[in-house]
Structure formats: structure tokens, C-alpha cells
Amino acid sequence: MAAAKPTLMPYRASDFVEDLRRMVESGFPEKGLEWDVRVNDKNIEIDPQLLPQALLELFANAFRHDPSHKPGKVTVAIDGSEHFVLALEEPKEHFELTTNNWGREPLRRISQGHYGLGLNRARSIIEAHGGRLLAQYDETSKTLLTRVTLPIFNGPA
């Protein structure tokens, strides 16, 4: 797997979220996610082909490992004026994996037709955009929270 080499361009955060939402809803129409979108006219600087692939992999991974079949929630916001934050909350009654190296261990979980590379590739793409991918399981709420943070683009649009 080669390192991600994005070709970056400014993209209005609100437009990106709407485009991503359409991709998720058309690719996974039965999932019925709840979306809470609180973005403004800030720009992010992204590769419009690579970043959606990474985020769609996060959604696909969540849906593939969804024993509860309960709808998840997506929250997207501009954190202060410095970061674009997308958080995916997945209900998970039981979760026994560690999230310490989330997306850093390719080939760790292999199953029929899946080789554990998607999450690793998603992390690589997000980090190539100057972003971070974090995951955390909350035992109290029985929720896996996956959070993507990207820098806001302050250059000319």
C-alpha cells in the first residue's frame, strides 16, 4: 500500500458534508443515520476523490460490524475556527477491541473478502490531509465514537 498523496483544493465545508451525506445515503440507504450538521461557510482543503473514499470506508466499516442494527448518529461541526470535526457514533452493546491503535494495524482482522486494510487506508488518507482519526468506546453509553478532525483552510478560495 502506497502512501496517500492527495491533490488538495479548497472545498466549502457545508458543500462537502452535503456531498458526503448523499454518498452515504445512496450507498447505504437502509441504515437511516441521524445527521446533526453545524458547519458554516469555512473551507477545508481536501482531495475531493480521496477524502470521501476514506470517510465512506469508516461508514462501511461501521455498518459491516453493526450487530445491533440501531441507527447511528453523525455529528459534523466546525470546532472553534480551527477544525472541521466529523464524529460517527455507533451503538455497540458489546465491544472488545482496543482503540489505541485504531487503523494502524492492517491485516489484524481478516474475514471472508475483508483483509483489514480499509481502516488503515482511511487513516493514511486522513493524516495526509493534516487530519487525525481517533476512536473511543464508551462502556456507559455502549457507543463507539469515531472522530475525524481536519484543519480549516484559511487561504484564498
N, C-alpha and C. Protein backbone atom coordinates (compact mmCIF):
# COMPACT_ATOMS: atom_id res chain seq x y z
N MET A 1 0.84 -1.18 0.00
CA MET A 1 0.00 0.00 0.00
C MET A 1 0.89 1.25 0.00
N ALA A 2 0.70 2.04 -1.01
CA ALA A 2 1.47 3.28 -1.14
C ALA A 2 0.88 4.35 -0.24
N ALA A 3 1.72 5.29 0.15
CA ALA A 3 1.26 6.41 0.96
C ALA A 3 0.29 7.26 0.14
N ALA A 4 -0.72 7.79 0.81
CA ALA A 4 -1.68 8.66 0.14
C ALA A 4 -1.01 9.97 -0.24
N LYS A 5 -1.26 10.42 -1.46
CA LYS A 5 -0.71 11.68 -1.94
C LYS A 5 -1.85 12.53 -2.49
N PRO A 6 -2.54 13.23 -1.61
CA PRO A 6 -3.70 13.99 -2.07
C PRO A 6 -3.33 15.21 -2.90
N THR A 7 -4.20 15.52 -3.84
CA THR A 7 -4.13 16.76 -4.59
C THR A 7 -5.19 17.67 -3.98
N LEU A 8 -4.72 18.62 -3.18
CA LEU A 8 -5.62 19.41 -2.34
C LEU A 8 -6.22 20.61 -3.08
N MET A 9 -7.47 20.89 -2.72
CA MET A 9 -8.16 22.07 -3.22
C MET A 9 -9.14 22.55 -2.15
N PRO A 10 -9.40 23.85 -2.10
CA PRO A 10 -10.38 24.34 -1.12
C PRO A 10 -11.78 23.81 -1.45
N TYR A 11 -12.52 23.47 -0.42
CA TYR A 11 -13.87 22.91 -0.57
C TYR A 11 -14.69 23.44 0.59
N ARG A 12 -15.79 24.08 0.30
CA ARG A 12 -16.64 24.62 1.36
C ARG A 12 -17.13 23.47 2.23
N ALA A 13 -16.95 23.58 3.53
CA ALA A 13 -17.30 22.51 4.47
C ALA A 13 -18.75 22.09 4.32
N SER A 14 -19.66 23.04 4.20
CA SER A 14 -21.09 22.70 4.09
C SER A 14 -21.38 21.92 2.82
N ASP A 15 -20.72 22.28 1.72
CA ASP A 15 -20.90 21.55 0.46
C ASP A 15 -20.34 20.13 0.57
N PHE A 16 -19.17 20.02 1.20
CA PHE A 16 -18.56 18.71 1.37
C PHE A 16 -19.46 17.78 2.19
N VAL A 17 -20.00 18.30 3.28
CA VAL A 17 -20.87 17.47 4.14
C VAL A 17 -22.11 17.05 3.36
N GLU A 18 -22.69 17.94 2.60
CA GLU A 18 -23.88 17.58 1.82
C GLU A 18 -23.53 16.52 0.78
N ASP A 19 -22.40 16.67 0.11
CA ASP A 19 -21.98 15.66 -0.88
C ASP A 19 -21.73 14.32 -0.20
N LEU A 20 -21.05 14.34 0.95
CA LEU A 20 -20.78 13.11 1.68
C LEU A 20 -22.07 12.45 2.14
N ARG A 21 -22.98 13.25 2.64
CA ARG A 21 -24.26 12.70 3.11
C ARG A 21 -25.01 12.00 1.97
N ARG A 22 -25.00 12.61 0.81
CA ARG A 22 -25.65 11.97 -0.35
C ARG A 22 -24.98 10.64 -0.70
N MET A 23 -23.64 10.62 -0.66
CA MET A 23 -22.92 9.38 -0.95
C MET A 23 -23.25 8.28 0.08
N VAL A 24 -23.30 8.65 1.34
CA VAL A 24 -23.60 7.67 2.39
C VAL A 24 -25.03 7.17 2.24
N GLU A 25 -25.96 8.08 2.02
CA GLU A 25 -27.37 7.69 1.92
C GLU A 25 -27.65 6.87 0.67
N SER A 26 -26.93 7.14 -0.42
CA SER A 26 -27.15 6.33 -1.62
C SER A 26 -26.43 4.99 -1.52
N GLY A 27 -25.28 4.96 -0.85
CA GLY A 27 -24.53 3.72 -0.71
C GLY A 27 -25.07 2.78 0.36
N PHE A 28 -25.74 3.35 1.36
CA PHE A 28 -26.26 2.58 2.49
C PHE A 28 -27.67 3.06 2.83
N PRO A 29 -28.61 2.95 1.89
CA PRO A 29 -29.94 3.55 2.10
C PRO A 29 -30.71 2.96 3.27
N GLU A 30 -30.42 1.75 3.66
CA GLU A 30 -31.18 1.09 4.72
C GLU A 30 -30.71 1.48 6.12
N LYS A 31 -29.66 2.24 6.25
CA LYS A 31 -29.07 2.49 7.56
C LYS A 31 -29.74 3.62 8.34
N GLY A 32 -30.30 4.59 7.70
CA GLY A 32 -31.04 5.63 8.40
C GLY A 32 -30.27 6.33 9.50
N LEU A 33 -29.12 6.87 9.17
CA LEU A 33 -28.33 7.61 10.15
C LEU A 33 -29.01 8.92 10.52
N GLU A 34 -28.80 9.35 11.74
CA GLU A 34 -29.24 10.67 12.17
C GLU A 34 -28.07 11.62 11.95
N TRP A 35 -28.30 12.71 11.24
CA TRP A 35 -27.25 13.68 10.94
C TRP A 35 -27.49 14.97 11.71
N ASP A 36 -26.49 15.46 12.39
CA ASP A 36 -26.51 16.75 13.08
C ASP A 36 -25.37 17.57 12.49
N VAL A 37 -25.71 18.47 11.59
CA VAL A 37 -24.70 19.23 10.85
C VAL A 37 -24.72 20.67 11.32
N ARG A 38 -23.56 21.13 11.80
CA ARG A 38 -23.41 22.50 12.28
C ARG A 38 -22.13 23.09 11.71
N VAL A 39 -22.12 23.26 10.40
CA VAL A 39 -20.95 23.86 9.75
C VAL A 39 -21.36 25.19 9.15
N ASN A 40 -20.36 26.00 8.88
CA ASN A 40 -20.62 27.30 8.29
C ASN A 40 -19.93 27.38 6.93
N ASP A 41 -19.61 28.57 6.50
CA ASP A 41 -19.03 28.72 5.16
C ASP A 41 -17.51 28.60 5.15
N LYS A 42 -16.93 28.04 6.20
CA LYS A 42 -15.48 27.80 6.23
C LYS A 42 -15.10 26.79 5.15
N ASN A 43 -13.87 26.89 4.69
CA ASN A 43 -13.34 25.94 3.72
C ASN A 43 -12.42 24.93 4.40
N ILE A 44 -12.41 23.74 3.86
CA ILE A 44 -11.40 22.75 4.21
C ILE A 44 -10.61 22.52 2.93
N GLU A 45 -9.40 22.05 3.05
CA GLU A 45 -8.58 21.79 1.87
C GLU A 45 -8.44 20.28 1.74
N ILE A 46 -9.05 19.72 0.68
CA ILE A 46 -9.12 18.27 0.56
C ILE A 46 -8.87 17.82 -0.87
N ASP A 47 -8.61 16.55 -1.00
CA ASP A 47 -8.64 15.90 -2.30
C ASP A 47 -10.07 15.36 -2.43
N PRO A 48 -10.86 15.88 -3.35
CA PRO A 48 -12.28 15.51 -3.42
C PRO A 48 -12.54 14.07 -3.88
N GLN A 49 -11.50 13.34 -4.26
CA GLN A 49 -11.66 11.92 -4.56
C GLN A 49 -11.20 11.06 -3.40
N LEU A 50 -10.06 11.39 -2.81
CA LEU A 50 -9.50 10.56 -1.74
C LEU A 50 -10.25 10.67 -0.41
N LEU A 51 -10.54 11.89 0.04
CA LEU A 51 -11.16 12.03 1.36
C LEU A 51 -12.53 11.36 1.44
N PRO A 52 -13.41 11.52 0.45
CA PRO A 52 -14.68 10.79 0.53
C PRO A 52 -14.47 9.27 0.59
N GLN A 53 -13.47 8.75 -0.12
CA GLN A 53 -13.19 7.31 -0.04
C GLN A 53 -12.88 6.91 1.39
N ALA A 54 -12.05 7.69 2.06
CA ALA A 54 -11.67 7.39 3.44
C ALA A 54 -12.88 7.42 4.36
N LEU A 55 -13.69 8.45 4.24
CA LEU A 55 -14.84 8.57 5.12
C LEU A 55 -15.89 7.51 4.82
N LEU A 56 -16.09 7.20 3.55
CA LEU A 56 -17.03 6.13 3.21
C LEU A 56 -16.55 4.79 3.76
N GLU A 57 -15.25 4.58 3.81
CA GLU A 57 -14.72 3.35 4.42
C GLU A 57 -15.06 3.29 5.91
N LEU A 58 -15.02 4.43 6.59
CA LEU A 58 -15.40 4.44 8.01
C LEU A 58 -16.86 4.06 8.18
N PHE A 59 -17.72 4.58 7.31
CA PHE A 59 -19.14 4.23 7.38
C PHE A 59 -19.34 2.75 7.04
N ALA A 60 -18.69 2.28 5.98
CA ALA A 60 -18.83 0.88 5.58
C ALA A 60 -18.36 -0.05 6.69
N ASN A 61 -17.26 0.31 7.32
CA ASN A 61 -16.73 -0.48 8.42
C ASN A 61 -17.73 -0.52 9.58
N ALA A 62 -18.30 0.62 9.89
CA ALA A 62 -19.28 0.69 10.97
C ALA A 62 -20.49 -0.19 10.65
N PHE A 63 -20.98 -0.12 9.44
CA PHE A 63 -22.18 -0.88 9.08
C PHE A 63 -21.88 -2.37 8.98
N ARG A 64 -20.69 -2.73 8.55
CA ARG A 64 -20.31 -4.14 8.43
C ARG A 64 -20.24 -4.80 9.81
N HIS A 65 -19.88 -4.03 10.82
CA HIS A 65 -19.74 -4.56 12.17
C HIS A 65 -20.84 -4.00 13.07
N ASP A 66 -22.07 -4.08 12.60
CA ASP A 66 -23.22 -3.50 13.30
C ASP A 66 -24.19 -4.60 13.73
N PRO A 67 -23.92 -5.27 14.84
CA PRO A 67 -24.83 -6.32 15.27
C PRO A 67 -26.14 -5.78 15.84
N SER A 68 -26.17 -4.54 16.29
CA SER A 68 -27.38 -4.00 16.93
C SER A 68 -28.44 -3.58 15.92
N HIS A 69 -28.02 -3.20 14.73
CA HIS A 69 -28.91 -2.68 13.69
C HIS A 69 -29.67 -1.44 14.16
N LYS A 70 -29.14 -0.76 15.16
CA LYS A 70 -29.72 0.50 15.62
C LYS A 70 -29.09 1.62 14.80
N PRO A 71 -29.83 2.67 14.52
CA PRO A 71 -29.24 3.76 13.74
C PRO A 71 -28.15 4.48 14.53
N GLY A 72 -27.13 4.87 13.81
CA GLY A 72 -26.06 5.64 14.41
C GLY A 72 -26.32 7.13 14.22
N LYS A 73 -25.39 7.92 14.69
CA LYS A 73 -25.53 9.37 14.57
C LYS A 73 -24.22 9.94 14.04
N VAL A 74 -24.35 10.91 13.15
CA VAL A 74 -23.21 11.62 12.59
C VAL A 74 -23.34 13.08 13.01
N THR A 75 -22.31 13.59 13.66
CA THR A 75 -22.28 15.00 14.03
C THR A 75 -21.11 15.63 13.29
N VAL A 76 -21.39 16.74 12.62
CA VAL A 76 -20.34 17.46 11.89
C VAL A 76 -20.40 18.91 12.33
N ALA A 77 -19.24 19.43 12.72
CA ALA A 77 -19.20 20.81 13.21
C ALA A 77 -17.84 21.43 12.91
N ILE A 78 -17.82 22.75 13.01
CA ILE A 78 -16.57 23.48 12.99
C ILE A 78 -16.24 23.76 14.44
N ASP A 79 -15.12 23.22 14.89
CA ASP A 79 -14.68 23.34 16.27
C ASP A 79 -13.91 24.64 16.41
N GLY A 80 -14.53 25.65 16.99
CA GLY A 80 -13.90 26.97 17.04
C GLY A 80 -13.77 27.49 15.63
N SER A 81 -12.60 27.92 15.25
CA SER A 81 -12.39 28.33 13.86
C SER A 81 -11.20 27.59 13.28
N GLU A 82 -10.78 26.50 13.94
CA GLU A 82 -9.56 25.82 13.52
C GLU A 82 -9.77 24.45 12.93
N HIS A 83 -10.88 23.77 13.25
CA HIS A 83 -11.03 22.37 12.84
C HIS A 83 -12.43 22.04 12.35
N PHE A 84 -12.45 21.19 11.36
CA PHE A 84 -13.66 20.53 10.87
C PHE A 84 -13.67 19.18 11.59
N VAL A 85 -14.78 18.87 12.25
CA VAL A 85 -14.85 17.63 13.03
C VAL A 85 -16.07 16.83 12.59
N LEU A 86 -15.84 15.57 12.21
CA LEU A 86 -16.91 14.64 11.90
C LEU A 86 -16.84 13.52 12.93
N ALA A 87 -17.94 13.29 13.62
CA ALA A 87 -18.00 12.23 14.64
C ALA A 87 -19.10 11.25 14.28
N LEU A 88 -18.74 9.98 14.25
CA LEU A 88 -19.68 8.90 13.96
C LEU A 88 -19.89 8.11 15.24
N GLU A 89 -21.12 8.10 15.74
CA GLU A 89 -21.47 7.35 16.94
C GLU A 89 -22.19 6.08 16.53
N GLU A 90 -21.63 4.94 16.95
CA GLU A 90 -22.21 3.64 16.63
C GLU A 90 -22.66 2.95 17.90
N PRO A 91 -23.94 2.59 18.01
CA PRO A 91 -24.36 1.79 19.16
C PRO A 91 -23.73 0.41 19.09
N LYS A 92 -23.08 0.00 20.17
CA LYS A 92 -22.42 -1.31 20.22
C LYS A 92 -22.62 -1.86 21.63
N GLU A 93 -23.51 -2.81 21.76
CA GLU A 93 -23.78 -3.41 23.07
C GLU A 93 -22.53 -4.06 23.65
N HIS A 94 -21.77 -4.72 22.80
CA HIS A 94 -20.52 -5.37 23.22
C HIS A 94 -19.40 -4.93 22.28
N PHE A 95 -18.30 -4.52 22.87
CA PHE A 95 -17.15 -4.10 22.07
C PHE A 95 -15.90 -4.49 22.83
N GLU A 96 -15.14 -5.40 22.26
CA GLU A 96 -13.99 -5.94 22.99
C GLU A 96 -12.65 -5.59 22.35
N LEU A 97 -12.67 -4.80 21.32
CA LEU A 97 -11.41 -4.41 20.67
C LEU A 97 -10.80 -3.22 21.40
N THR A 98 -9.51 -3.06 21.24
CA THR A 98 -8.86 -1.85 21.75
C THR A 98 -8.87 -0.80 20.65
N THR A 99 -9.01 0.44 21.04
CA THR A 99 -9.00 1.52 20.05
C THR A 99 -7.67 2.28 20.07
N ASN A 100 -6.72 1.81 20.84
CA ASN A 100 -5.43 2.51 20.97
C ASN A 100 -4.72 2.68 19.64
N ASN A 101 -4.74 1.67 18.80
CA ASN A 101 -4.06 1.72 17.50
C ASN A 101 -5.06 1.66 16.35
N TRP A 102 -6.19 2.28 16.52
CA TRP A 102 -7.29 2.23 15.56
C TRP A 102 -6.81 2.63 14.17
N GLY A 103 -6.88 1.69 13.24
CA GLY A 103 -6.47 1.96 11.87
C GLY A 103 -4.98 1.89 11.64
N ARG A 104 -4.22 1.45 12.63
CA ARG A 104 -2.77 1.36 12.48
C ARG A 104 -2.27 -0.08 12.37
N GLU A 105 -3.18 -1.04 12.36
CA GLU A 105 -2.78 -2.44 12.34
C GLU A 105 -3.44 -3.17 11.17
N PRO A 106 -2.92 -2.97 9.95
CA PRO A 106 -3.51 -3.68 8.81
C PRO A 106 -3.34 -5.19 8.98
N LEU A 107 -4.25 -5.92 8.42
CA LEU A 107 -4.26 -7.38 8.44
C LEU A 107 -4.51 -7.97 9.82
N ARG A 108 -4.95 -7.14 10.77
CA ARG A 108 -5.21 -7.65 12.12
C ARG A 108 -6.48 -8.49 12.17
N ARG A 109 -7.54 -8.01 11.53
CA ARG A 109 -8.80 -8.75 11.49
C ARG A 109 -9.12 -9.09 10.05
N ILE A 110 -9.01 -10.35 9.73
CA ILE A 110 -9.26 -10.81 8.37
C ILE A 110 -10.50 -11.69 8.38
N SER A 111 -11.38 -11.45 7.42
CA SER A 111 -12.58 -12.28 7.26
C SER A 111 -12.81 -12.47 5.77
N GLN A 112 -13.82 -13.24 5.44
CA GLN A 112 -14.13 -13.54 4.05
C GLN A 112 -14.27 -12.24 3.23
N GLY A 113 -13.33 -12.00 2.33
CA GLY A 113 -13.38 -10.84 1.45
C GLY A 113 -12.91 -9.54 2.07
N HIS A 114 -12.49 -9.57 3.33
CA HIS A 114 -12.03 -8.36 4.03
C HIS A 114 -10.68 -8.67 4.68
N TYR A 115 -9.73 -7.77 4.46
CA TYR A 115 -8.36 -8.04 4.88
C TYR A 115 -7.83 -7.06 5.91
N GLY A 116 -8.70 -6.24 6.46
CA GLY A 116 -8.26 -5.31 7.48
C GLY A 116 -7.44 -4.15 6.96
N LEU A 117 -7.57 -3.85 5.69
CA LEU A 117 -6.78 -2.77 5.09
C LEU A 117 -7.55 -1.45 5.00
N GLY A 118 -8.86 -1.50 4.98
CA GLY A 118 -9.66 -0.29 4.74
C GLY A 118 -9.49 0.78 5.79
N LEU A 119 -9.52 0.40 7.06
CA LEU A 119 -9.36 1.37 8.13
C LEU A 119 -7.96 1.96 8.13
N ASN A 120 -6.98 1.14 7.84
CA ASN A 120 -5.61 1.62 7.74
C ASN A 120 -5.46 2.62 6.60
N ARG A 121 -6.06 2.33 5.47
CA ARG A 121 -6.01 3.24 4.31
C ARG A 121 -6.75 4.54 4.64
N ALA A 122 -7.90 4.43 5.31
CA ALA A 122 -8.66 5.63 5.69
C ALA A 122 -7.80 6.53 6.58
N ARG A 123 -7.15 5.93 7.57
CA ARG A 123 -6.28 6.71 8.45
C ARG A 123 -5.16 7.39 7.65
N SER A 124 -4.55 6.66 6.75
CA SER A 124 -3.48 7.21 5.93
C SER A 124 -3.95 8.43 5.13
N ILE A 125 -5.12 8.33 4.55
CA ILE A 125 -5.67 9.44 3.75
C ILE A 125 -5.99 10.63 4.64
N ILE A 126 -6.61 10.38 5.77
CA ILE A 126 -6.97 11.47 6.69
C ILE A 126 -5.70 12.18 7.18
N GLU A 127 -4.69 11.41 7.56
CA GLU A 127 -3.45 12.02 8.02
C GLU A 127 -2.72 12.77 6.90
N ALA A 128 -2.83 12.30 5.66
CA ALA A 128 -2.23 13.01 4.53
C ALA A 128 -2.90 14.36 4.28
N HIS A 129 -4.11 14.52 4.81
CA HIS A 129 -4.84 15.79 4.74
C HIS A 129 -4.53 16.68 5.96
N GLY A 130 -3.60 16.25 6.80
CA GLY A 130 -3.27 17.01 8.00
C GLY A 130 -4.24 16.75 9.13
N GLY A 131 -5.05 15.69 9.00
CA GLY A 131 -6.07 15.39 9.99
C GLY A 131 -5.70 14.28 10.95
N ARG A 132 -6.66 13.96 11.81
CA ARG A 132 -6.49 12.89 12.79
C ARG A 132 -7.72 12.00 12.80
N LEU A 133 -7.50 10.73 13.07
CA LEU A 133 -8.57 9.75 13.22
C LEU A 133 -8.43 9.14 14.61
N LEU A 134 -9.47 9.26 15.40
CA LEU A 134 -9.48 8.71 16.75
C LEU A 134 -10.74 7.89 16.94
N ALA A 135 -10.63 6.85 17.73
CA ALA A 135 -11.81 6.05 18.09
C ALA A 135 -11.77 5.79 19.59
N GLN A 136 -12.97 5.73 20.17
CA GLN A 136 -13.07 5.51 21.62
C GLN A 136 -14.39 4.83 21.91
N TYR A 137 -14.34 3.80 22.74
CA TYR A 137 -15.58 3.12 23.14
C TYR A 137 -15.97 3.60 24.52
N ASP A 138 -17.25 3.99 24.65
CA ASP A 138 -17.79 4.41 25.94
C ASP A 138 -18.67 3.29 26.48
N GLU A 139 -18.18 2.62 27.49
CA GLU A 139 -18.89 1.48 28.08
C GLU A 139 -20.24 1.91 28.67
N THR A 140 -20.31 3.10 29.23
CA THR A 140 -21.55 3.56 29.87
C THR A 140 -22.68 3.71 28.86
N SER A 141 -22.40 4.37 27.74
CA SER A 141 -23.44 4.58 26.72
C SER A 141 -23.48 3.47 25.68
N LYS A 142 -22.51 2.53 25.75
CA LYS A 142 -22.41 1.43 24.78
C LYS A 142 -22.30 1.98 23.37
N THR A 143 -21.39 2.94 23.21
CA THR A 143 -21.23 3.63 21.93
C THR A 143 -19.76 3.68 21.53
N LEU A 144 -19.50 3.35 20.26
CA LEU A 144 -18.18 3.55 19.69
C LEU A 144 -18.21 4.89 18.96
N LEU A 145 -17.32 5.78 19.35
CA LEU A 145 -17.24 7.10 18.73
C LEU A 145 -15.98 7.15 17.88
N THR A 146 -16.16 7.37 16.58
CA THR A 146 -15.04 7.56 15.66
C THR A 146 -15.06 9.02 15.26
N ARG A 147 -13.91 9.67 15.43
CA ARG A 147 -13.83 11.11 15.22
C ARG A 147 -12.73 11.45 14.22
N VAL A 148 -13.10 12.21 13.20
CA VAL A 148 -12.16 12.69 12.20
C VAL A 148 -12.04 14.20 12.37
N THR A 149 -10.83 14.68 12.50
CA THR A 149 -10.58 16.11 12.65
C THR A 149 -9.67 16.56 11.51
N LEU A 150 -10.09 17.61 10.81
CA LEU A 150 -9.31 18.16 9.70
C LEU A 150 -9.10 19.65 9.95
N PRO A 151 -7.98 20.19 9.50
CA PRO A 151 -7.76 21.63 9.67
C PRO A 151 -8.67 22.45 8.74
N ILE A 152 -9.02 23.62 9.22
CA ILE A 152 -9.74 24.59 8.38
C ILE A 152 -8.73 25.23 7.45
N PHE A 153 -9.14 25.49 6.22
CA PHE A 153 -8.28 26.13 5.23
C PHE A 153 -8.51 27.63 5.31
N ASN A 154 -7.46 28.38 5.60
CA ASN A 154 -7.58 29.83 5.73
C ASN A 154 -7.00 30.60 4.55
N GLY A 155 -6.61 29.90 3.50
CA GLY A 155 -6.03 30.56 2.32
C GLY A 155 -7.13 31.08 1.40
N PRO A 156 -6.75 31.61 0.27
CA PRO A 156 -7.76 32.09 -0.69
C PRO A 156 -8.54 30.93 -1.29
N ALA A 157 -9.81 31.14 -1.48
CA ALA A 157 -10.69 30.08 -2.03
C ALA A 157 -10.63 30.06 -3.54
